[in-house]
Protein backbone atom coordinates (compact mmCIF):
# COMPACT_ATOMS: atom_id res chain seq x y z
CA UNK A 1 -24.07 12.37 1.22
CA UNK A 2 -22.91 13.67 4.61
CA UNK A 3 -22.86 10.16 6.11
CA UNK A 4 -21.88 8.33 2.91
CA UNK A 5 -18.58 10.17 2.31
CA UNK A 6 -16.95 9.15 5.62
CA UNK A 7 -18.05 5.55 5.06
CA UNK A 8 -16.52 5.51 1.58
CA UNK A 9 -13.26 7.06 2.82
CA UNK A 10 -13.04 4.55 5.68
CA UNK A 11 -13.77 1.68 3.27
CA UNK A 12 -11.03 2.85 0.90
CA UNK A 13 -8.49 3.25 3.69
CA UNK A 14 -9.30 -0.23 4.97
CA UNK A 15 -9.04 -1.59 1.42
CA UNK A 16 -5.63 0.09 1.14
CA UNK A 17 -4.46 -1.49 4.38
CA UNK A 18 -5.70 -4.92 3.25
CA UNK A 19 -4.06 -4.54 -0.15
CA UNK A 20 -0.79 -3.52 1.50
CA UNK A 21 -1.03 -6.49 3.86
CA UNK A 22 -1.69 -8.89 0.99
CA UNK A 23 1.28 -7.45 -0.90
CA UNK A 24 3.51 -7.90 2.14
CA UNK A 25 2.30 -11.47 2.54
CA UNK A 26 2.93 -12.10 -1.16
CA UNK A 27 6.51 -10.82 -0.86
CA UNK A 28 7.29 -12.90 2.19
CA UNK A 29 5.61 -16.02 0.79
CA UNK A 30 7.48 -15.63 -2.48
CA UNK A 31 10.81 -15.36 -0.71
CA UNK A 32 10.00 -18.43 1.38
CA UNK A 33 8.58 -20.59 -1.39
CA UNK A 34 11.12 -19.73 -4.06
CA UNK A 35 14.20 -19.67 -1.83
CA UNK A 36 13.50 -22.59 0.45
CA UNK A 37 11.28 -24.88 -1.57
CA UNK A 38 12.00 -23.78 -5.14
CA UNK A 39 8.26 -23.60 -5.90
CA UNK A 40 6.13 -21.04 -7.68
CA UNK A 41 8.88 -18.95 -9.24
CA UNK A 42 7.06 -18.49 -12.56
CA UNK A 43 3.80 -17.27 -11.05
CA UNK A 44 4.88 -15.52 -7.86
CA UNK A 45 7.74 -13.57 -9.45
CA UNK A 46 5.67 -12.43 -12.41
CA UNK A 47 6.21 -8.70 -13.11
CA UNK A 48 2.49 -8.35 -13.90
CA UNK A 49 1.56 -9.05 -10.28
CA UNK A 50 3.71 -6.14 -9.18
CA UNK A 51 2.50 -3.78 -11.90
CA UNK A 52 -1.17 -4.47 -11.21
CA UNK A 53 -0.61 -4.30 -7.45
CA UNK A 54 1.09 -0.92 -7.79
CA UNK A 55 -1.68 0.32 -10.07
CA UNK A 56 -4.35 -0.70 -7.54
CA UNK A 57 -2.36 0.82 -4.67
CA UNK A 58 -1.96 4.08 -6.61
CA UNK A 59 -5.67 4.24 -7.40
CA UNK A 60 -6.85 3.47 -3.87
CA UNK A 61 -4.26 5.77 -2.27
CA UNK A 62 -5.01 8.60 -4.69
CA UNK A 63 -8.69 8.51 -3.81
CA UNK A 64 -8.56 7.68 -0.10
CA UNK A 65 -5.42 9.55 0.95
CA UNK A 66 -5.96 12.46 -1.45
CA UNK A 67 -9.58 12.85 -0.43
CA UNK A 68 -8.61 12.62 3.22
CA UNK A 69 -5.84 15.21 2.85
CA UNK A 70 -8.26 17.64 1.26
CA UNK A 71 -10.74 17.03 4.04
CA UNK A 72 -8.60 17.02 7.20
CA UNK A 73 -5.68 19.16 5.92
CA UNK A 74 -3.00 16.98 7.54
CA UNK A 75 0.12 16.29 5.51
CA UNK A 76 1.37 13.25 7.48
CA UNK A 77 -0.88 10.59 5.92
CA UNK A 78 -0.33 11.94 2.40
CA UNK A 79 3.46 12.23 2.69
CA UNK A 80 3.79 8.79 4.31
CA UNK A 81 1.66 7.08 1.66
CA UNK A 82 3.41 8.86 -1.21
CA UNK A 83 6.83 7.81 0.13
CA UNK A 84 5.53 4.25 0.23
CA UNK A 85 4.25 4.44 -3.34
CA UNK A 86 7.63 5.81 -4.40
CA UNK A 87 9.38 2.79 -2.86
CA UNK A 88 6.87 0.50 -4.59
CA UNK A 89 7.54 2.22 -7.91
CA UNK A 90 11.27 1.89 -7.32
CA UNK A 91 10.80 -1.83 -6.79
CA UNK A 92 9.59 -2.08 -10.39
CA UNK A 93 12.86 -0.55 -11.61
CA UNK A 94 15.19 -3.15 -10.08
CA UNK A 95 15.60 -6.79 -11.10
CA UNK A 96 13.50 -9.42 -9.35
CA UNK A 97 15.07 -10.56 -6.15
CA UNK A 98 16.14 -9.29 -2.78
CA UNK A 99 16.29 -5.58 -3.68
CA UNK A 100 12.82 -5.66 -5.16
CA UNK A 101 11.41 -7.44 -2.11
CA UNK A 102 13.02 -4.98 0.30
CA UNK A 103 11.76 -1.93 -1.62
CA UNK A 104 8.28 -3.40 -1.91
CA UNK A 105 8.07 -4.34 1.77
CA UNK A 106 9.18 -0.85 2.82
CA UNK A 107 6.70 0.66 0.36
CA UNK A 108 3.65 -1.33 1.36
CA UNK A 109 4.41 -0.78 5.03
CA UNK A 110 4.53 2.99 4.50
CA UNK A 111 1.35 2.98 2.39
CA UNK A 112 -0.46 0.99 5.07
CA UNK A 113 0.73 3.42 7.76
CA UNK A 114 -0.46 6.30 5.56
CA UNK A 115 -3.93 4.77 5.33
CA UNK A 116 -3.99 4.19 9.10
CA UNK A 117 -2.96 7.82 9.75
CA UNK A 118 -5.60 8.97 7.28
CA UNK A 119 -8.33 7.07 9.14
CA UNK A 120 -7.05 8.38 12.46
CA UNK A 121 -7.06 11.97 11.16
CA UNK A 122 -10.82 11.71 10.59
CA UNK A 123 -11.54 10.76 14.20
CA UNK A 124 -12.75 13.52 16.49
CA UNK A 125 -10.02 14.89 18.74
CA UNK A 126 -10.12 13.51 22.28
CA UNK A 127 -10.10 16.17 24.97
């Protein structure tokens, strides 16, 4: 268990970073495809994509960031990720469009930074 726990935490943080990156890519691709080409509006702007993405981000962040915060006792990763999740939640409260994209992009960027800080907090301090 001693070796398994750090591996699981690292895996979850990496999964959180990948999920955030995919969400960012989705937002940018949606803006490009819908605005410029007029394609994919029905599928890419579907509210379900955002709800499920937020649910997965909440679950992964709760486990990885929460577990990390309990372990390393540093508030930075937790606060950063929670601010990001708040922006992502706020994006669900506004109509589809520019405001939603901006809130989501800010949110996923902060969540990704939170996961990165969480992984960094587990590294041994360099002397």
